[in-house]
Protein backbone atom coordinates (compact mmCIF):
# COMPACT_ATOMS: atom_id res chain seq x y z
CA MET A 1 -0.03 -0.05 -0.02
CA ARG A 2 2.89 2.37 0.76
CA LYS A 3 3.97 2.22 -2.85
CA LEU A 4 0.61 3.43 -3.98
CA LEU A 5 0.63 6.49 -1.81
CA LYS A 6 2.45 8.37 -4.56
CA TYR A 7 -0.91 8.81 -6.23
CA LEU A 8 -1.88 11.25 -3.46
CA ARG A 9 0.89 13.65 -4.55
CA HIS A 10 -1.49 15.90 -6.41
CA TYR A 11 -3.84 15.92 -3.44
CA LYS A 12 -1.42 16.76 -0.67
CA LEU A 13 -3.37 19.73 0.55
CA GLU A 14 -6.63 17.79 0.61
CA SER A 15 -4.90 14.84 2.39
CA ILE A 16 -3.69 17.23 5.11
CA LEU A 17 -6.96 19.21 5.45
CA ALA A 18 -9.20 16.08 5.74
CA PRO A 19 -7.56 14.66 8.93
CA PHE A 20 -6.99 18.25 10.23
CA PHE A 21 -10.69 19.00 10.33
CA LYS A 22 -11.38 15.62 11.74
CA LEU A 23 -8.92 16.30 14.55
CA LEU A 24 -10.60 19.63 15.06
CA GLU A 25 -13.94 17.87 15.33
CA ALA A 26 -12.41 15.31 17.77
CA ALA A 27 -10.92 18.10 19.92
CA PHE A 28 -14.41 19.65 20.33
CA GLU A 29 -15.82 16.19 21.28
CA LEU A 30 -13.17 15.78 24.01
CA ILE A 31 -14.20 19.09 25.52
CA VAL A 32 -17.84 18.02 25.85
CA PRO A 33 -17.46 15.69 28.86
CA LEU A 34 -15.63 18.42 30.70
CA ILE A 35 -18.47 20.85 30.13
CA VAL A 36 -20.96 18.23 31.23
CA ALA A 37 -18.98 17.65 34.38
CA SER A 38 -19.00 21.43 34.96
CA ILE A 39 -22.75 21.53 34.56
CA VAL A 40 -23.12 18.82 37.20
CA ASP A 41 -20.55 20.09 39.71
CA ASP A 42 -20.99 23.83 39.29
CA GLY A 43 -24.46 24.28 37.93
CA VAL A 44 -26.44 21.62 39.71
CA ASN A 45 -24.46 20.73 42.82
CA GLY A 46 -22.54 23.97 43.10
CA GLY A 47 -25.55 26.27 43.11
CA ARG A 48 -24.62 28.49 40.26
CA GLY A 49 -28.23 28.17 39.04
CA ALA A 50 -30.18 27.61 35.87
CA GLY A 51 -28.50 30.55 34.07
CA TYR A 52 -25.20 28.83 34.22
CA VAL A 53 -26.67 25.49 32.99
CA VAL A 54 -28.34 27.16 30.05
CA SER A 55 -25.17 29.02 29.08
CA MET A 56 -23.17 25.80 29.19
CA CYS A 57 -25.87 24.03 27.13
CA LEU A 58 -25.54 26.79 24.51
CA VAL A 59 -21.81 26.17 24.50
CA LEU A 60 -22.51 22.48 23.86
CA VAL A 61 -24.77 23.48 20.94
CA GLY A 62 -22.03 25.73 19.51
CA LEU A 63 -19.50 22.94 19.81
CA GLY A 64 -21.87 20.64 18.00
CA VAL A 65 -22.46 23.09 15.12
CA VAL A 66 -18.67 23.81 14.74
CA GLY A 67 -18.01 20.03 14.92
CA LEU A 68 -20.62 19.39 12.27
CA ILE A 69 -19.06 21.90 9.90
CA SER A 70 -15.66 20.45 10.54
CA SER A 71 -16.90 16.92 9.87
CA VAL A 72 -18.60 17.90 6.52
CA THR A 73 -15.47 19.79 5.45
CA ALA A 74 -13.30 16.75 6.29
CA GLN A 75 -15.65 14.44 4.40
CA TYR A 76 -15.37 16.69 1.36
CA PHE A 77 -11.61 16.77 1.31
CA ALA A 78 -11.26 13.08 2.11
CA ALA A 79 -13.67 12.18 -0.76
CA LYS A 80 -11.83 14.49 -3.12
CA SER A 81 -8.44 12.92 -2.27
CA ALA A 82 -9.77 9.34 -2.47
CA VAL A 83 -11.53 9.71 -5.80
CA GLY A 84 -8.50 11.60 -7.28
CA PHE A 85 -6.19 8.84 -5.89
CA SER A 86 -8.26 6.15 -7.54
CA LYS A 87 -8.43 8.07 -10.87
CA GLU A 88 -4.69 8.30 -11.09
CA LEU A 89 -4.12 4.74 -9.88
CA ARG A 90 -6.58 3.35 -12.34
CA SER A 91 -5.03 5.40 -15.17
CA ASP A 92 -1.52 4.19 -14.35
CA LEU A 93 -2.84 0.62 -13.95
CA PHE A 94 -4.51 0.70 -17.32
CA ALA A 95 -1.28 2.08 -18.88
CA LYS A 96 0.71 -0.66 -17.20
CA MET A 97 -1.62 -3.33 -18.55
CA GLN A 98 -1.31 -1.82 -22.01
CA SER A 99 2.50 -2.03 -21.75
CA LEU A 100 2.44 -5.74 -20.89
CA SER A 101 3.51 -8.18 -23.51
CA TYR A 102 1.06 -10.80 -25.03
CA SER A 103 2.70 -13.53 -22.89
CA GLN A 104 2.18 -11.53 -19.66
CA ILE A 105 -1.40 -10.71 -20.48
CA ASP A 106 -2.01 -14.44 -21.20
CA GLY A 107 -0.45 -15.25 -17.87
CA ILE A 108 -2.58 -12.86 -15.82
CA GLY A 109 -5.81 -13.52 -17.65
CA THR A 110 -8.44 -11.01 -18.72
CA SER A 111 -10.80 -11.66 -15.80
CA ARG A 112 -8.09 -10.97 -13.27
CA MET A 113 -7.11 -7.78 -14.96
CA ILE A 114 -10.71 -6.59 -14.95
CA THR A 115 -11.05 -7.42 -11.25
CA ARG A 116 -7.91 -5.50 -10.39
CA MET A 117 -9.07 -2.51 -12.47
CA THR A 118 -12.48 -2.42 -10.93
CA SER A 119 -13.15 -4.19 -7.61
CA ASP A 120 -9.57 -3.88 -6.28
CA VAL A 121 -9.15 -0.25 -7.10
CA ASN A 122 -12.60 0.60 -5.67
CA GLN A 123 -11.69 -1.17 -2.41
CA ILE A 124 -8.45 0.70 -2.22
CA GLN A 125 -10.33 3.98 -2.80
CA SER A 126 -12.64 3.16 0.13
CA GLY A 127 -9.65 2.39 2.28
CA VAL A 128 -7.96 5.79 1.50
CA ASN A 129 -11.22 7.58 2.23
CA MET A 130 -11.69 5.87 5.62
CA VAL A 131 -8.07 6.36 6.57
CA LEU A 132 -8.22 10.07 5.90
CA ARG A 133 -11.37 10.47 7.91
CA LEU A 134 -10.76 8.14 10.84
CA PHE A 135 -7.25 6.97 11.03
CA MET A 136 -6.07 10.17 12.87
CA ARG A 137 -9.40 10.91 14.62
CA SER A 138 -10.12 7.64 16.27
CA PRO A 139 -6.60 7.13 17.93
CA PHE A 140 -6.71 10.88 18.83
CA ILE A 141 -9.92 10.50 20.78
CA VAL A 142 -8.93 7.16 22.27
CA PHE A 143 -5.54 8.41 23.61
CA GLY A 144 -6.92 11.92 24.26
CA ALA A 145 -9.57 10.47 26.42
CA MET A 146 -6.99 8.37 28.29
CA ILE A 147 -4.75 11.39 28.88
CA LEU A 148 -7.68 13.46 30.17
CA ALA A 149 -8.79 10.57 32.36
CA PHE A 150 -5.26 10.63 33.90
CA THR A 151 -5.67 14.37 34.57
CA ILE A 152 -8.92 13.63 36.45
CA SER A 153 -7.76 10.47 38.29
CA VAL A 154 -4.69 8.31 38.10
CA ALA A 155 -6.55 5.22 39.06
CA ALA A 156 -9.18 5.85 36.41
CA GLY A 157 -6.52 6.62 33.85
CA THR A 158 -4.90 3.22 34.58
CA VAL A 159 -8.16 1.54 33.87
CA PHE A 160 -8.30 3.42 30.53
CA ALA A 161 -4.73 2.37 29.71
CA ILE A 162 -5.25 -1.29 30.42
CA THR A 163 -8.54 -1.30 28.46
CA ILE A 164 -6.99 0.31 25.45
CA ALA A 165 -4.01 -2.03 25.47
CA VAL A 166 -6.30 -5.07 25.50
CA LEU A 167 -8.42 -3.62 22.70
CA CYS A 168 -5.27 -2.95 20.58
CA VAL A 169 -4.23 -6.64 20.91
CA VAL A 170 -7.67 -7.75 19.79
CA VAL A 171 -8.06 -5.33 16.91
CA PHE A 172 -4.59 -5.83 15.40
CA GLY A 173 -4.79 -9.57 16.05
CA ILE A 174 -8.00 -9.85 14.08
CA MET A 175 -6.45 -7.65 11.34
CA LEU A 176 -3.43 -9.93 10.96
CA MET A 177 -5.76 -12.98 10.75
CA THR A 178 -8.08 -11.46 8.12
CA ILE A 179 -5.53 -10.13 5.60
CA PRO A 180 -4.80 -13.49 4.03
CA LEU A 181 -8.42 -14.43 4.23
CA TYR A 182 -9.42 -11.41 2.15
CA LYS A 183 -6.67 -12.16 -0.34
CA LYS A 184 -8.14 -15.68 -0.77
CA SER A 185 -11.63 -14.14 -1.10
CA GLN A 186 -10.36 -11.84 -3.91
CA ALA A 187 -8.82 -14.80 -5.65
CA ASN A 188 -12.14 -16.63 -5.55
CA LEU A 189 -13.62 -13.49 -7.05
CA ASP A 190 -11.13 -13.74 -9.93
CA ARG A 191 -12.24 -17.32 -10.60
CA LEU A 192 -15.91 -16.38 -10.51
CA THR A 193 -15.30 -13.41 -12.90
CA ALA A 194 -13.40 -15.76 -15.25
CA SER A 195 -16.30 -18.20 -15.25
CA THR A 196 -18.90 -15.50 -15.81
CA ARG A 197 -16.91 -13.89 -18.65
CA GLN A 198 -16.41 -17.24 -20.40
CA THR A 199 -20.07 -18.10 -20.08
CA LEU A 200 -21.24 -14.71 -21.47
CA VAL A 201 -18.80 -14.79 -24.37
CA GLY A 202 -19.64 -18.39 -25.29
CA VAL A 203 -23.34 -18.28 -24.51
CA ARG A 204 -24.43 -19.26 -28.10
CA VAL A 205 -22.10 -22.25 -28.03
CA LEU A 206 -23.39 -23.31 -24.55
CA ARG A 207 -27.00 -23.14 -25.81
CA ALA A 208 -26.08 -25.01 -28.96
CA PHE A 209 -24.67 -27.87 -26.93
CA CYS A 210 -27.35 -27.60 -24.18
CA LYS A 211 -24.63 -27.00 -21.57
CA GLU A 212 -26.56 -24.43 -19.52
CA GLU A 213 -27.18 -26.66 -16.52
CA GLU A 214 -23.51 -27.63 -16.32
CA GLU A 215 -22.38 -24.02 -16.44
CA ILE A 216 -24.92 -23.07 -13.88
CA LYS A 217 -23.60 -25.79 -11.66
CA THR A 218 -19.97 -24.60 -12.23
CA PHE A 219 -21.04 -21.00 -11.56
CA ASN A 220 -22.81 -22.02 -8.32
CA GLU A 221 -19.78 -23.95 -7.13
CA ARG A 222 -17.46 -21.03 -7.66
CA ASN A 223 -20.06 -18.59 -6.31
CA GLY A 224 -20.37 -20.87 -3.29
CA ALA A 225 -16.61 -20.87 -2.83
CA LEU A 226 -16.56 -17.10 -2.94
CA CYS A 227 -19.47 -16.87 -0.49
CA ALA A 228 -17.83 -19.34 1.91
CA SER A 229 -14.50 -17.51 1.87
CA GLN A 230 -16.29 -14.18 2.42
CA LYS A 231 -18.32 -15.60 5.22
CA PHE A 232 -15.28 -17.05 6.97
CA ALA A 233 -13.36 -13.72 6.70
CA GLY A 234 -16.55 -11.93 7.76
CA LEU A 235 -16.99 -14.24 10.70
CA ILE A 236 -13.54 -13.44 12.00
CA SER A 237 -13.97 -9.71 11.32
CA ALA A 238 -17.44 -9.92 13.09
CA LEU A 239 -15.67 -10.81 16.32
CA MET A 240 -14.32 -7.31 16.42
CA ASN A 241 -17.55 -5.55 17.54
CA PRO A 242 -18.72 -8.04 20.30
CA LEU A 243 -15.13 -8.34 21.73
CA THR A 244 -14.78 -4.62 21.68
CA TYR A 245 -18.17 -4.15 23.49
CA ALA A 246 -17.28 -6.77 26.00
CA ILE A 247 -13.86 -5.29 26.80
CA ILE A 248 -15.28 -1.74 26.98
CA ASN A 249 -18.19 -2.80 29.20
CA VAL A 250 -15.80 -4.68 31.56
CA GLY A 251 -13.69 -1.53 31.60
CA THR A 252 -16.78 0.61 32.33
CA ILE A 253 -17.74 -1.60 35.28
CA ILE A 254 -14.23 -1.36 36.75
CA LEU A 255 -14.22 2.37 36.06
CA LEU A 256 -17.55 3.02 37.83
CA ASN A 257 -16.48 0.90 40.75
CA THR A 258 -13.22 2.79 41.07
CA GLY A 259 -15.07 6.12 40.62
CA ALA A 260 -17.62 5.26 43.28
CA ILE A 261 -14.89 4.46 45.81
CA GLU A 262 -13.06 7.75 45.04
CA VAL A 263 -16.31 9.69 45.23
CA ASN A 264 -16.95 8.20 48.66
CA SER A 265 -13.48 9.16 49.73
CA GLY A 266 -13.85 12.68 48.36
CA ALA A 267 -11.12 12.31 45.78
CA LEU A 268 -13.53 12.70 42.84
CA SER A 269 -16.74 14.62 42.31
CA GLN A 270 -19.91 13.25 40.74
CA GLY A 271 -19.23 15.31 37.59
CA ASP A 272 -15.79 13.83 37.30
CA VAL A 273 -17.23 10.35 37.29
CA ILE A 274 -19.76 11.31 34.61
CA ALA A 275 -16.94 12.83 32.54
CA LEU A 276 -14.93 9.61 32.89
CA TYR A 277 -17.88 7.49 31.88
CA ASN A 278 -18.52 9.78 28.84
CA TYR A 279 -14.82 9.40 27.86
CA MET A 280 -15.19 5.57 28.08
CA ALA A 281 -18.34 5.80 25.97
CA GLN A 282 -16.40 7.89 23.36
CA ILE A 283 -13.65 5.28 23.36
CA LEU A 284 -16.30 2.62 22.66
CA VAL A 285 -17.74 4.56 19.78
CA GLU A 286 -14.39 5.34 18.36
CA LEU A 287 -13.06 1.80 18.59
CA ILE A 288 -16.13 0.48 16.81
CA LYS A 289 -15.34 2.94 14.10
CA LEU A 290 -11.72 1.91 14.24
CA ALA A 291 -12.73 -1.73 14.01
CA ASN A 292 -14.70 -1.02 10.85
CA LEU A 293 -11.75 1.04 9.54
CA ILE A 294 -9.44 -1.87 10.26
CA ILE A 295 -11.68 -4.25 8.25
CA THR A 296 -11.82 -1.87 5.29
CA VAL A 297 -8.07 -1.21 5.52
CA THR A 298 -7.37 -4.91 5.69
CA LYS A 299 -9.31 -5.45 2.48
CA SER A 300 -7.55 -2.43 0.95
CA PHE A 301 -4.10 -3.89 1.81
CA ALA A 302 -5.02 -7.23 0.27
CA CYS A 303 -6.19 -5.44 -2.90
CA ALA A 304 -3.16 -3.17 -2.94
CA GLY A 305 -0.96 -6.20 -2.93
CA ARG A 306 -2.77 -7.62 -5.93
CA VAL A 307 -2.52 -4.34 -7.77
CA ASN A 308 1.18 -4.06 -6.88
CA GLU A 309 1.70 -7.53 -8.48
CA VAL A 310 0.72 -5.97 -11.82
CA PHE A 311 2.96 -2.97 -11.30
CA ALA A 312 5.88 -5.20 -10.30
CA MET A 313 5.73 -7.16 -13.55
CA PRO A 314 8.76 -6.27 -15.63
CA CYS A 315 8.12 -4.37 -18.85
CA GLU A 316 8.84 -6.69 -21.79
CA ILE A 317 8.20 -3.92 -24.32
CA SER A 318 11.61 -3.34 -25.96
CA GLN A 319 12.95 0.10 -26.46
CA PRO A 320 15.23 1.13 -29.37
CA LYS A 321 18.88 0.82 -28.62
CA GLU A 322 21.62 3.15 -29.88
CA SER A 323 23.34 0.60 -32.01
CA VAL A 324 21.55 -2.18 -33.79
CA ALA A 325 23.68 -4.81 -35.43
CA ALA A 326 22.67 -5.78 -38.97
CA ALA A 327 21.44 -9.36 -39.22
CA GLY A 328 21.95 -9.81 -42.94
CA GLY A 329 20.88 -8.66 -46.35
CA HIS A 330 17.34 -10.07 -46.23
CA TYR A 331 14.41 -7.93 -45.40
CA ILE A 332 12.93 -10.40 -42.92
CA GLU A 333 14.96 -13.20 -41.50
CA PHE A 334 14.21 -15.87 -38.92
CA ARG A 335 17.43 -17.56 -37.74
CA ASP A 336 17.14 -20.76 -35.59
CA VAL A 337 14.10 -19.29 -33.82
CA CYS A 338 12.52 -21.05 -30.91
CA ALA A 339 9.42 -19.63 -29.07
CA ARG A 340 7.55 -20.82 -26.03
CA TYR A 341 4.71 -19.53 -23.79
CA THR A 342 5.00 -19.17 -20.07
CA ASN A 343 5.72 -22.48 -18.38
CA GLY A 344 5.14 -24.45 -21.59
CA ALA A 345 6.94 -26.42 -24.20
CA ASN A 346 8.26 -24.81 -27.41
CA ALA A 347 5.56 -23.56 -29.70
CA LEU A 348 8.21 -23.09 -32.45
CA THR A 349 11.48 -24.95 -32.73
CA ASP A 350 14.53 -24.09 -34.92
CA ILE A 351 12.60 -22.02 -37.48
CA SER A 352 14.85 -20.48 -40.24
CA PHE A 353 13.74 -18.67 -43.40
CA THR A 354 13.99 -15.33 -45.20
CA ALA A 355 11.58 -13.09 -46.95
CA GLU A 356 12.43 -10.24 -49.31
CA LYS A 357 10.56 -6.96 -49.62
CA GLY A 358 7.40 -7.19 -51.50
CA GLN A 359 7.13 -11.02 -51.38
CA THR A 360 4.12 -12.92 -50.33
CA ILE A 361 4.72 -15.66 -47.71
CA GLY A 362 2.15 -18.28 -47.06
CA VAL A 363 2.01 -20.15 -43.70
CA ILE A 364 0.04 -23.31 -43.41
CA GLY A 365 -0.29 -26.21 -41.00
CA GLY A 366 -2.61 -28.05 -38.74
CA THR A 367 -4.28 -26.60 -35.62
CA GLY A 368 -1.71 -25.74 -32.99
CA ALA A 369 1.19 -25.96 -35.46
CA GLY A 370 2.49 -22.52 -34.37
CA LYS A 371 1.30 -20.37 -37.36
CA SER A 372 0.03 -17.49 -35.33
CA THR A 373 3.00 -17.60 -33.02
CA LEU A 374 5.39 -17.32 -35.93
CA VAL A 375 3.75 -14.15 -37.46
CA ASN A 376 3.30 -12.64 -34.04
CA LEU A 377 7.10 -12.68 -33.52
CA ILE A 378 7.54 -10.13 -36.36
CA PRO A 379 5.82 -7.18 -34.62
CA HIS A 380 7.30 -8.50 -31.36
CA PHE A 381 4.02 -9.39 -29.70
CA TYR A 382 5.95 -12.30 -28.35
CA SER A 383 9.72 -12.75 -28.02
CA ALA A 384 11.81 -15.48 -29.40
CA SER A 385 13.21 -17.64 -26.55
CA GLU A 386 16.14 -18.59 -28.78
CA GLY A 387 17.52 -17.42 -32.15
CA SER A 388 16.78 -14.10 -33.70
CA VAL A 389 14.09 -12.29 -35.82
CA SER A 390 15.24 -9.39 -37.86
CA VAL A 391 13.41 -6.90 -40.05
CA GLY A 392 15.33 -4.65 -42.44
CA GLY A 393 18.61 -5.67 -40.80
CA MET A 394 17.29 -4.80 -37.26
CA ASN A 395 16.76 -7.36 -34.57
CA VAL A 396 13.11 -6.88 -33.40
CA ASN A 397 14.29 -7.22 -29.84
CA ASP A 398 16.47 -4.10 -30.24
CA ALA A 399 14.60 -2.03 -32.73
CA GLY A 400 11.83 -0.91 -30.32
CA ASP A 401 8.29 -2.20 -30.35
CA GLU A 402 6.64 1.02 -31.44
CA LYS A 403 8.93 1.21 -34.48
CA MET A 404 8.29 -2.37 -35.38
CA ARG A 405 4.54 -2.12 -35.01
CA ASN A 406 4.39 0.98 -37.08
CA LEU A 407 5.92 -1.02 -39.94
CA CYS A 408 3.24 -3.68 -39.61
CA GLY A 409 -0.39 -3.91 -40.35
CA VAL A 410 -1.84 -6.88 -38.43
CA VAL A 411 -5.23 -8.54 -39.07
CA PRO A 412 -5.64 -11.02 -36.19
CA GLN A 413 -7.60 -14.22 -36.23
CA ARG A 414 -10.53 -12.69 -34.29
CA ALA A 415 -11.83 -9.74 -36.23
CA VAL A 416 -12.51 -6.98 -33.73
CA LEU A 417 -14.18 -3.65 -34.55
CA PHE A 418 -14.67 -0.88 -31.88
CA ARG A 419 -17.70 1.23 -31.04
CA GLY A 420 -17.99 4.25 -33.26
CA THR A 421 -18.34 4.80 -36.95
CA ILE A 422 -16.81 2.88 -39.85
CA ARG A 423 -14.63 5.89 -40.61
CA GLU A 424 -13.33 6.07 -37.02
CA ASN A 425 -12.40 2.38 -37.12
CA MET A 426 -10.63 2.79 -40.46
CA GLN A 427 -8.56 5.68 -39.05
CA TRP A 428 -6.99 3.61 -36.29
CA GLY A 429 -3.86 3.05 -38.35
CA ASN A 430 -3.76 6.54 -39.82
CA GLN A 431 -5.51 9.31 -38.02
CA GLY A 432 -5.23 11.65 -40.96
CA ALA A 433 -6.56 9.23 -43.56
CA THR A 434 -8.92 10.92 -46.02
CA ASP A 435 -12.22 9.43 -47.14
CA GLU A 436 -10.61 8.72 -50.52
CA GLU A 437 -7.81 6.77 -48.97
CA ILE A 438 -10.35 4.89 -46.81
CA ILE A 439 -12.61 3.99 -49.68
CA LYS A 440 -9.60 2.81 -51.66
CA ALA A 441 -8.56 0.40 -48.83
CA ILE A 442 -12.21 -0.72 -48.46
CA ASP A 443 -12.37 -1.43 -52.17
CA CYS A 444 -9.09 -3.40 -51.94
CA ALA A 445 -10.54 -5.48 -49.05
CA CYS A 446 -13.70 -6.22 -51.08
CA ALA A 447 -15.78 -4.46 -48.44
CA SER A 448 -17.44 -1.76 -50.64
CA ASP A 449 -20.76 -3.70 -50.45
CA VAL A 450 -20.55 -3.71 -46.61
CA VAL A 451 -20.28 0.09 -46.42
CA SER A 452 -22.87 0.77 -49.11
CA SER A 453 -25.39 -1.53 -47.42
CA LYS A 454 -25.27 0.48 -44.19
CA ASP A 455 -27.20 3.74 -43.70
CA GLY A 456 -24.69 6.58 -43.57
CA GLY A 457 -21.83 4.87 -45.43
CA LEU A 458 -18.62 5.65 -43.66
CA ASP A 459 -20.60 7.32 -40.89
CA ALA A 460 -22.49 4.05 -40.22
CA TYR A 461 -22.56 3.10 -36.55
CA VAL A 462 -20.46 0.21 -35.42
CA GLU A 463 -21.51 -1.49 -32.13
CA GLN A 464 -19.00 -2.78 -29.59
CA GLY A 465 -17.08 -5.63 -31.13
CA GLY A 466 -18.79 -5.02 -34.46
CA LYS A 467 -21.78 -7.13 -33.38
CA ASN A 468 -23.96 -5.43 -36.02
CA PHE A 469 -21.84 -6.95 -38.78
CA SER A 470 -21.45 -10.55 -39.88
CA GLY A 471 -18.19 -12.45 -39.46
CA GLY A 472 -17.23 -12.03 -43.05
CA GLN A 473 -18.03 -8.32 -42.95
CA ARG A 474 -15.91 -7.84 -39.89
CA GLN A 475 -13.08 -9.59 -41.41
CA ARG A 476 -13.11 -7.49 -44.57
CA LEU A 477 -13.30 -4.31 -42.56
CA THR A 478 -10.41 -5.28 -40.33
CA ILE A 479 -8.37 -5.99 -43.46
CA ALA A 480 -9.35 -2.58 -44.84
CA ARG A 481 -8.35 -0.96 -41.51
CA ALA A 482 -4.84 -2.51 -41.83
CA LEU A 483 -4.52 -1.35 -45.44
CA VAL A 484 -5.44 2.23 -44.66
CA LYS A 485 -2.13 2.27 -42.64
CA ARG A 486 -0.21 1.38 -45.85
CA PRO A 487 2.10 -0.97 -43.88
CA GLU A 488 5.46 -2.22 -45.04
CA ILE A 489 4.55 -5.62 -43.67
CA LEU A 490 0.93 -6.88 -43.88
CA ILE A 491 0.05 -9.85 -41.73
CA LEU A 492 -3.22 -11.68 -42.42
CA ASP A 493 -3.51 -14.20 -39.56
CA ASP A 494 -6.23 -16.51 -40.95
CA SER A 495 -8.28 -13.40 -41.45
CA ALA A 496 -10.19 -14.65 -44.53
CA SER A 497 -11.62 -17.80 -42.99
CA ALA A 498 -15.20 -16.42 -43.06
CA LEU A 499 -14.89 -15.38 -46.80
CA ASP A 500 -16.20 -17.39 -49.63
CA TYR A 501 -13.62 -18.67 -52.17
CA ALA A 502 -14.52 -16.09 -54.81
CA THR A 503 -14.19 -13.10 -52.42
CA ASP A 504 -10.96 -14.59 -51.03
CA ALA A 505 -9.56 -14.86 -54.53
CA ARG A 506 -10.55 -11.25 -55.35
CA LEU A 507 -8.92 -10.06 -52.09
CA ARG A 508 -5.62 -11.79 -52.93
CA ALA A 509 -5.68 -10.43 -56.39
CA ASN A 510 -6.23 -6.89 -55.04
CA LEU A 511 -3.31 -7.22 -52.63
CA ARG A 512 -0.97 -8.00 -55.51
CA THR A 513 -1.87 -4.65 -57.15
CA LEU A 514 -1.03 -2.44 -54.04
CA ASP A 515 1.25 0.34 -55.21
CA TYR A 516 3.35 0.39 -52.02
CA ASN A 517 4.27 -3.21 -52.48
CA PRO A 518 4.17 -4.59 -48.86
CA THR A 519 5.59 -7.88 -47.74
CA VAL A 520 2.54 -10.01 -47.05
CA PHE A 521 2.20 -12.89 -44.68
CA ILE A 522 -0.89 -14.97 -45.19
CA VAL A 523 -1.80 -17.47 -42.54
CA SER A 524 -4.42 -19.85 -43.79
CA GLN A 525 -5.89 -23.35 -43.61
CA ARG A 526 -6.71 -23.22 -47.33
CA THR A 527 -4.01 -24.09 -49.93
CA SER A 528 -5.99 -22.03 -52.39
CA SER A 529 -5.33 -18.90 -50.36
CA ILE A 530 -1.55 -19.31 -50.46
CA ARG A 531 -0.83 -21.33 -53.67
CA ASN A 532 0.33 -18.16 -55.52
CA ALA A 533 2.67 -17.06 -52.65
CA ASP A 534 6.38 -16.62 -53.40
CA LYS A 535 7.17 -18.89 -50.44
CA ILE A 536 5.02 -21.23 -48.39
CA LEU A 537 6.00 -22.30 -44.91
CA VAL A 538 4.53 -25.64 -43.80
CA LEU A 539 4.43 -26.04 -40.01
CA ASP A 540 3.79 -29.20 -38.01
CA ASN A 541 3.86 -29.17 -34.20
CA GLY A 542 6.12 -26.13 -34.19
CA HIS A 543 8.61 -27.44 -36.74
CA LEU A 544 9.20 -26.21 -40.24
CA VAL A 545 8.63 -29.36 -42.33
CA GLY A 546 8.22 -27.66 -45.78
CA LEU A 547 9.47 -24.56 -47.54
CA GLY A 548 8.95 -23.69 -51.13
CA THR A 549 6.31 -22.76 -53.71
CA HIS A 550 3.04 -24.51 -54.20
CA GLU A 551 4.41 -26.82 -56.96
CA GLN A 552 7.60 -27.62 -55.06
CA LEU A 553 5.79 -28.53 -51.91
CA LEU A 554 3.36 -30.79 -53.76
CA GLU A 555 6.31 -32.79 -54.84
CA SER A 556 8.46 -32.71 -51.69
CA CYS A 557 6.15 -32.21 -48.65
CA GLU A 558 3.85 -34.99 -47.63
CA LEU A 559 1.94 -32.91 -45.14
CA TYR A 560 1.22 -30.13 -47.61
CA ARG A 561 0.19 -32.69 -50.18
CA GLU A 562 -2.27 -34.23 -47.76
CA ILE A 563 -3.77 -30.82 -46.83
CA HIS A 564 -4.08 -29.78 -50.48
CA TYR A 565 -5.59 -32.99 -51.92
CA SER A 566 -8.03 -33.23 -49.00
CA GLN A 567 -9.31 -29.79 -49.84
CA TYR A 568 -9.03 -30.27 -53.59
CA GLN A 569 -11.25 -33.29 -53.39
CA LYS A 570 -13.68 -31.48 -51.10
CA GLU A 571 -13.85 -28.50 -53.43
CA GLY A 572 -14.24 -30.73 -56.48
CA ALA A 573 -17.01 -32.84 -54.93
């Protein structure tokens, strides 16, 4: 949590004023028992009359009004600090998540990232708010009451000191017990969020396979685990209030007994005993508040630890280095490349090939062969665990990710559009793209009919994820988005799988006519999509088992031959 306090740097004044006004309110509250004692001793028993009692009551009302104003002011500054804190924390956390590599994001998981961004940050915000309001006030009243009790009676002050010491042991003991329990509870929330997200994303598949009951059962199990962990943590935390009440009441009994003895001996007045009782009552109220504060802070510490785990992750985004050694004369070169995911076996093993500027490279292989992994190494979405990948004589690890990704236009397997208009989506790669440039890219991607079929043309509204477009329409629009960028390297990662053969053929023909002559990587399951490529890479279980043109591979590569003739027969049937 201490590491996150830097996000209060822009709210230093508010962070000081909030506890200051709370302390001011607390100081007024500590004066109240003394005034009540004065009313009893001087006004009632001392014979100073009703006028004195009324004037003291007006003083109490004045202290209440000033205390209320101080409290409201403190609440305002505390809320402002806490909300500003969470705003900056959430902003930096989002930026950190955006800087993580693909492998790190895969390791954390989307559901965990969402939980940290929402639930965890909100809990930390509540903790900051409570701390600014009560962390100084409650101890101030507790120890202030104890000190004032000592000024009234040493024996009574000793009772206060022992009571407070026992309470501190109970409060902090429960806090230490509940911190790991709340961490476990948040981990269960992660699992529940992951289950819910998976169910909502795949709801159509679930219904198609009639798996609703199984998913409901899984959800209930994880929801039950979350409920059980929260109940257990809550049960331990719930001991705080009854134990606090019990200790305070025992202390009150001892205090009244001690006070009665001293009143009988003349060492104390009746007003002093009333003041001591009021101070004990104030301690009770403040320790209940402090107990609730401890529970909230405990949750906040647990959440802060989870957020710090994200911040502590090393940045794998590469930055450009001053000197970059040339890797050779080829535009793109893979040299003995191996790649693996976190805690897994190699997804690629000893991959070596070259590609020249303007060439079209086809990549084919079975499911899980490593096709997407191979093309994702070029823009450095993943890092090669062994060997080197170079583009234009620059090692992608040294060239800087921003530079490499500006060279590339990537169309991933899953076609994703963003909420907005078609024009806004097309301008992602080139903010200054004109309508003429956008239309040209859309024509090249065979998506003209998609735009013309929508009301408003380029101003047609796109829902989140492009849900108001079909799969084939989304694929063509994402290809057009990449083409608007005019990239030097165009990567089509199985991005025409939803297109019919005629549209796929027209798209490939259009790509060959591009005036800026990009190097094109086409990942496909269809041999028809890559048969005209300058080079075709055939992958099998992460190994390069074939390299050549379509005709060469039909003669020399058994796997390619099997893939091609199985599809050829299917197409000819």
